[in-house]
Amino acid sequence: MDKLFLRRLILVSIILTFLSCEGCEAFRKKFVRKKQAEEDTVGQVILEPQEYPEVVHDNAELYKNSYTLCKAWYSDLLDSLKDEGSYKKQLQCFNEVLKNLSEMRNLLKEEKQQELDVCISDISKNKEQLMNSRLKNSILPQLKSNLARVEKTIRTKFNYNKIKESIR
């Protein structure tokens, strides 16, 4: 019976300890949610919109940017023409290359525009060939070699250092 009495005594002392702690202000303070302070709506600052002047780029800078983007998208295009490349990525690269080449074309004088038109038409033909082909993997090596040839032409003839006199 000593063991049973000892167990009951321990249980009663634990219950009494818990009840005595519950009445303590510090214990209650830990578990009571504090009221949130009200926000002052009067103190809000309203800023007036500021108009910034429009940045004007010269044609040489625009040509450099378009040429750089064209080179980057062209290298992505050649990488995506590997057997593992996705068709969607290939079309996106084709579209971006053509877009950047047309921006470059708009910045050139008439005679250089005609030279660049030849490259643009070659790339467009290769894009159409890729889109219309049923066996895409069989034409990829030919497309890659054609596009590498056009890329070499673009890099040699339409580099900014060689063409800066022909920019409008």
C-alpha atoms as a PDB file:
ATOM      1  CA  MET A   1       0.000   0.000   0.000  1.00  0.00           C
ATOM      2  CA  ASP A   2       2.891   2.312   0.406  1.00  0.00           C
ATOM      3  CA  LYS A   3       3.439   2.360  -3.316  1.00  0.00           C
ATOM      4  CA  LEU A   4      -0.182   3.212  -4.034  1.00  0.00           C
ATOM      5  CA  PHE A   5      -0.181   5.976  -1.457  1.00  0.00           C
ATOM      6  CA  LEU A   6       3.066   7.395  -2.831  1.00  0.00           C
ATOM      7  CA  ARG A   7       1.684   7.453  -6.386  1.00  0.00           C
ATOM      8  CA  ARG A   8      -1.469   9.251  -5.271  1.00  0.00           C
ATOM      9  CA  LEU A   9       0.565  11.765  -3.314  1.00  0.00           C
ATOM     10  CA  ILE A  10       2.755  12.536  -6.333  1.00  0.00           C
ATOM     11  CA  LEU A  11      -0.324  12.895  -8.544  1.00  0.00           C
ATOM     12  CA  VAL A  12      -2.052  15.249  -6.108  1.00  0.00           C
ATOM     13  CA  SER A  13       1.106  17.356  -5.696  1.00  0.00           C
ATOM     14  CA  ILE A  14       1.468  17.681  -9.492  1.00  0.00           C
ATOM     15  CA  ILE A  15      -2.158  18.792  -9.809  1.00  0.00           C
ATOM     16  CA  LEU A  16      -1.762  21.315  -6.990  1.00  0.00           C
ATOM     17  CA  THR A  17       1.427  22.687  -8.514  1.00  0.00           C
ATOM     18  CA  PHE A  18      -0.282  23.155 -11.856  1.00  0.00           C
ATOM     19  CA  LEU A  19      -3.288  24.885 -10.308  1.00  0.00           C
ATOM     20  CA  SER A  20      -1.104  27.212  -8.273  1.00  0.00           C
ATOM     21  CA  CYS A  21       0.921  28.191 -11.352  1.00  0.00           C
ATOM     22  CA  GLU A  22      -2.208  28.862 -13.360  1.00  0.00           C
ATOM     23  CA  GLY A  23      -3.208  31.665 -11.101  1.00  0.00           C
ATOM     24  CA  CYS A  24       0.147  33.344 -11.472  1.00  0.00           C
ATOM     25  CA  GLU A  25       0.089  36.545 -13.540  1.00  0.00           C
ATOM     26  CA  ALA A  26       3.372  35.770 -15.371  1.00  0.00           C
ATOM     27  CA  PHE A  27       2.092  32.373 -16.461  1.00  0.00           C
ATOM     28  CA  ARG A  28      -1.193  33.843 -17.720  1.00  0.00           C
ATOM     29  CA  LYS A  29       0.673  36.669 -19.462  1.00  0.00           C
ATOM     30  CA  LYS A  30       2.554  34.187 -21.616  1.00  0.00           C
ATOM     31  CA  PHE A  31      -0.602  32.702 -23.092  1.00  0.00           C
ATOM     32  CA  VAL A  32      -2.895  35.714 -23.448  1.00  0.00           C
ATOM     33  CA  ARG A  33      -2.922  37.359 -26.855  1.00  0.00           C
ATOM     34  CA  LYS A  34      -1.995  41.038 -26.830  1.00  0.00           C
ATOM     35  CA  LYS A  35      -4.241  43.555 -28.547  1.00  0.00           C
ATOM     36  CA  GLN A  36      -2.809  44.957 -31.768  1.00  0.00           C
ATOM     37  CA  ALA A  37      -2.158  48.668 -31.887  1.00  0.00           C
ATOM     38  CA  GLU A  38      -4.372  50.638 -34.249  1.00  0.00           C
ATOM     39  CA  GLU A  39      -2.619  52.028 -37.300  1.00  0.00           C
ATOM     40  CA  ASP A  40      -2.601  55.760 -37.893  1.00  0.00           C
ATOM     41  CA  THR A  41      -4.252  56.447 -41.239  1.00  0.00           C
ATOM     42  CA  VAL A  42      -3.652  60.167 -40.876  1.00  0.00           C
ATOM     43  CA  GLY A  43       0.132  59.839 -41.085  1.00  0.00           C
ATOM     44  CA  GLN A  44       0.294  58.270 -44.568  1.00  0.00           C
ATOM     45  CA  VAL A  45       2.401  60.162 -47.090  1.00  0.00           C
ATOM     46  CA  ILE A  46       1.138  60.483 -50.642  1.00  0.00           C
ATOM     47  CA  LEU A  47       3.897  60.943 -53.182  1.00  0.00           C
ATOM     48  CA  GLU A  48       3.366  62.788 -56.406  1.00  0.00           C
ATOM     49  CA  PRO A  49       4.358  60.827 -59.503  1.00  0.00           C
ATOM     50  CA  GLN A  50       7.574  61.965 -61.065  1.00  0.00           C
ATOM     51  CA  GLU A  51       8.085  61.930 -64.806  1.00  0.00           C
ATOM     52  CA  TYR A  52      11.466  60.796 -65.987  1.00  0.00           C
ATOM     53  CA  PRO A  53      12.899  62.014 -69.263  1.00  0.00           C
ATOM     54  CA  GLU A  54      12.824  59.489 -72.063  1.00  0.00           C
ATOM     55  CA  VAL A  55      16.220  57.962 -72.741  1.00  0.00           C
ATOM     56  CA  VAL A  56      17.250  58.437 -76.342  1.00  0.00           C
ATOM     57  CA  HIS A  57      19.673  55.914 -77.807  1.00  0.00           C
ATOM     58  CA  ASP A  58      21.578  56.622 -80.952  1.00  0.00           C
ATOM     59  CA  ASN A  59      21.382  54.228 -83.887  1.00  0.00           C
ATOM     60  CA  ALA A  60      24.923  52.949 -83.359  1.00  0.00           C
ATOM     61  CA  GLU A  61      24.107  51.815 -79.827  1.00  0.00           C
ATOM     62  CA  LEU A  62      20.833  50.224 -80.946  1.00  0.00           C
ATOM     63  CA  TYR A  63      22.692  48.388 -83.722  1.00  0.00           C
ATOM     64  CA  LYS A  64      25.298  47.092 -81.264  1.00  0.00           C
ATOM     65  CA  ASN A  65      22.568  45.821 -78.926  1.00  0.00           C
ATOM     66  CA  SER A  66      20.644  44.118 -81.736  1.00  0.00           C
ATOM     67  CA  TYR A  67      23.832  42.576 -83.128  1.00  0.00           C
ATOM     68  CA  THR A  68      24.836  41.234 -79.705  1.00  0.00           C
ATOM     69  CA  LEU A  69      21.384  39.758 -79.102  1.00  0.00           C
ATOM     70  CA  CYS A  70      21.387  38.257 -82.586  1.00  0.00           C
ATOM     71  CA  LYS A  71      24.724  36.535 -81.952  1.00  0.00           C
ATOM     72  CA  ALA A  72      23.513  35.154 -78.618  1.00  0.00           C
ATOM     73  CA  TRP A  73      20.232  33.832 -80.024  1.00  0.00           C
ATOM     74  CA  TYR A  74      22.062  32.421 -83.045  1.00  0.00           C
ATOM     75  CA  SER A  75      24.407  30.415 -80.836  1.00  0.00           C
ATOM     76  CA  ASP A  76      21.375  29.147 -78.889  1.00  0.00           C
ATOM     77  CA  LEU A  77      19.748  28.205 -82.181  1.00  0.00           C
ATOM     78  CA  LEU A  78      22.763  26.184 -83.309  1.00  0.00           C
ATOM     79  CA  ASP A  79      22.911  24.470 -79.909  1.00  0.00           C
ATOM     80  CA  SER A  80      19.204  23.625 -80.021  1.00  0.00           C
ATOM     81  CA  LEU A  81      19.549  22.003 -83.446  1.00  0.00           C
ATOM     82  CA  LYS A  82      21.238  19.041 -81.858  1.00  0.00           C
ATOM     83  CA  ASP A  83      19.199  15.827 -81.729  1.00  0.00           C
ATOM     84  CA  GLU A  84      18.197  16.481 -78.112  1.00  0.00           C
ATOM     85  CA  GLY A  85      16.970  20.052 -78.743  1.00  0.00           C
ATOM     86  CA  SER A  86      13.279  20.756 -78.343  1.00  0.00           C
ATOM     87  CA  TYR A  87      11.218  21.899 -81.310  1.00  0.00           C
ATOM     88  CA  LYS A  88       9.661  24.728 -79.311  1.00  0.00           C
ATOM     89  CA  LYS A  89      13.092  26.098 -78.351  1.00  0.00           C
ATOM     90  CA  GLN A  90      14.233  25.922 -81.970  1.00  0.00           C
ATOM     91  CA  LEU A  91      11.241  27.969 -83.142  1.00  0.00           C
ATOM     92  CA  GLN A  92      11.764  30.521 -80.396  1.00  0.00           C
ATOM     93  CA  CYS A  93      15.418  30.915 -81.377  1.00  0.00           C
ATOM     94  CA  PHE A  94      14.492  31.284 -85.053  1.00  0.00           C
ATOM     95  CA  ASN A  95      11.934  33.981 -84.209  1.00  0.00           C
ATOM     96  CA  GLU A  96      14.329  35.915 -81.977  1.00  0.00           C
ATOM     97  CA  VAL A  97      17.134  35.796 -84.547  1.00  0.00           C
ATOM     98  CA  LEU A  98      14.797  37.044 -87.259  1.00  0.00           C
ATOM     99  CA  LYS A  99      13.462  39.793 -84.996  1.00  0.00           C
ATOM    100  CA  ASN A 100      16.953  41.042 -84.137  1.00  0.00           C
ATOM    101  CA  LEU A 101      18.073  40.882 -87.761  1.00  0.00           C
ATOM    102  CA  SER A 102      15.081  42.951 -88.833  1.00  0.00           C
ATOM    103  CA  GLU A 103      15.924  45.528 -86.143  1.00  0.00           C
ATOM    104  CA  MET A 104      19.483  45.630 -87.487  1.00  0.00           C
ATOM    105  CA  ARG A 105      18.136  45.977 -91.013  1.00  0.00           C
ATOM    106  CA  ASN A 106      16.025  49.000 -90.076  1.00  0.00           C
ATOM    107  CA  LEU A 107      19.141  50.791 -88.821  1.00  0.00           C
ATOM    108  CA  LEU A 108      21.176  50.269 -92.002  1.00  0.00           C
ATOM    109  CA  LYS A 109      21.359  52.190 -95.251  1.00  0.00           C
ATOM    110  CA  GLU A 110      19.624  50.846 -98.380  1.00  0.00           C
ATOM    111  CA  GLU A 111      22.532  48.940 -99.954  1.00  0.00           C
ATOM    112  CA  LYS A 112      23.422  47.114 -96.734  1.00  0.00           C
ATOM    113  CA  GLN A 113      19.746  46.360 -96.114  1.00  0.00           C
ATOM    114  CA  GLN A 114      19.658  44.383 -99.356  1.00  0.00           C
ATOM    115  CA  GLU A 115      22.693  42.353 -98.296  1.00  0.00           C
ATOM    116  CA  LEU A 116      21.093  41.608 -94.948  1.00  0.00           C
ATOM    117  CA  ASP A 117      17.816  40.674 -96.662  1.00  0.00           C
ATOM    118  CA  VAL A 118      19.616  37.754 -98.287  1.00  0.00           C
ATOM    119  CA  CYS A 119      20.645  36.421 -94.864  1.00  0.00           C
ATOM    120  CA  ILE A 120      17.164  36.955 -93.451  1.00  0.00           C
ATOM    121  CA  SER A 121      15.581  35.070 -96.356  1.00  0.00           C
ATOM    122  CA  ASP A 122      18.056  32.170 -95.927  1.00  0.00           C
ATOM    123  CA  ILE A 123      17.194  31.884 -92.254  1.00  0.00           C
ATOM    124  CA  SER A 124      13.463  32.080 -93.031  1.00  0.00           C
ATOM    125  CA  LYS A 125      13.798  29.284 -95.593  1.00  0.00           C
ATOM    126  CA  ASN A 126      15.577  27.106 -93.054  1.00  0.00           C
ATOM    127  CA  LYS A 127      12.858  27.827 -90.507  1.00  0.00           C
ATOM    128  CA  GLU A 128      10.144  26.850 -93.000  1.00  0.00           C
ATOM    129  CA  GLN A 129      12.065  23.707 -93.882  1.00  0.00           C
ATOM    130  CA  LEU A 130      12.215  22.743 -90.199  1.00  0.00           C
ATOM    131  CA  MET A 131       8.520  23.456 -89.669  1.00  0.00           C
ATOM    132  CA  ASN A 132       7.369  21.540 -92.746  1.00  0.00           C
ATOM    133  CA  SER A 133       9.620  18.521 -92.366  1.00  0.00           C
ATOM    134  CA  ARG A 134       8.156  15.298 -91.041  1.00  0.00           C
ATOM    135  CA  LEU A 135      11.506  13.704 -90.215  1.00  0.00           C
ATOM    136  CA  LYS A 136      13.099  16.519 -88.247  1.00  0.00           C
ATOM    137  CA  ASN A 137      16.162  14.553 -87.137  1.00  0.00           C
ATOM    138  CA  SER A 138      17.132  13.754 -90.713  1.00  0.00           C
ATOM    139  CA  ILE A 139      17.344  17.384 -91.823  1.00  0.00           C
ATOM    140  CA  LEU A 140      19.047  18.784 -88.715  1.00  0.00           C
ATOM    141  CA  PRO A 141      22.653  18.323 -89.927  1.00  0.00           C
ATOM    142  CA  GLN A 142      21.868  20.102 -93.193  1.00  0.00           C
ATOM    143  CA  LEU A 143      20.062  22.924 -91.362  1.00  0.00           C
ATOM    144  CA  LYS A 144      22.928  23.299 -88.944  1.00  0.00           C
ATOM    145  CA  SER A 145      25.502  23.606 -91.728  1.00  0.00           C
ATOM    146  CA  ASN A 146      23.338  26.096 -93.669  1.00  0.00           C
ATOM    147  CA  LEU A 147      22.792  28.203 -90.580  1.00  0.00           C
ATOM    148  CA  ALA A 148      26.476  28.085 -89.638  1.00  0.00           C
ATOM    149  CA  ARG A 149      27.307  29.420 -93.105  1.00  0.00           C
ATOM    150  CA  VAL A 150      24.792  32.270 -92.709  1.00  0.00           C
ATOM    151  CA  GLU A 151      26.128  33.022 -89.236  1.00  0.00           C
ATOM    152  CA  LYS A 152      29.653  33.329 -90.600  1.00  0.00           C
ATOM    153  CA  THR A 153      28.380  35.768 -93.232  1.00  0.00           C
ATOM    154  CA  ILE A 154      26.612  37.850 -90.595  1.00  0.00           C
ATOM    155  CA  ARG A 155      29.658  37.929 -88.329  1.00  0.00           C
ATOM    156  CA  THR A 156      32.026  38.948 -91.135  1.00  0.00           C
ATOM    157  CA  LYS A 157      29.878  41.409 -93.091  1.00  0.00           C
ATOM    158  CA  PHE A 158      27.667  42.936 -90.402  1.00  0.00           C
ATOM    159  CA  ASN A 159      30.060  43.339 -87.503  1.00  0.00           C
ATOM    160  CA  TYR A 160      29.718  46.821 -86.022  1.00  0.00           C
ATOM    161  CA  ASN A 161      33.364  47.737 -86.662  1.00  0.00           C
ATOM    162  CA  LYS A 162      32.989  46.986 -90.365  1.00  0.00           C
ATOM    163  CA  ILE A 163      29.564  48.492 -90.873  1.00  0.00           C
ATOM    164  CA  LYS A 164      29.530  51.612 -88.675  1.00  0.00           C
ATOM    165  CA  GLU A 165      29.715  53.885 -91.739  1.00  0.00           C
ATOM    166  CA  SER A 166      26.559  52.299 -93.144  1.00  0.00           C
ATOM    167  CA  ILE A 167      24.393  52.980 -90.105  1.00  0.00           C
ATOM    168  CA  ARG A 168      21.832  55.723 -90.559  1.00  0.00           C
END
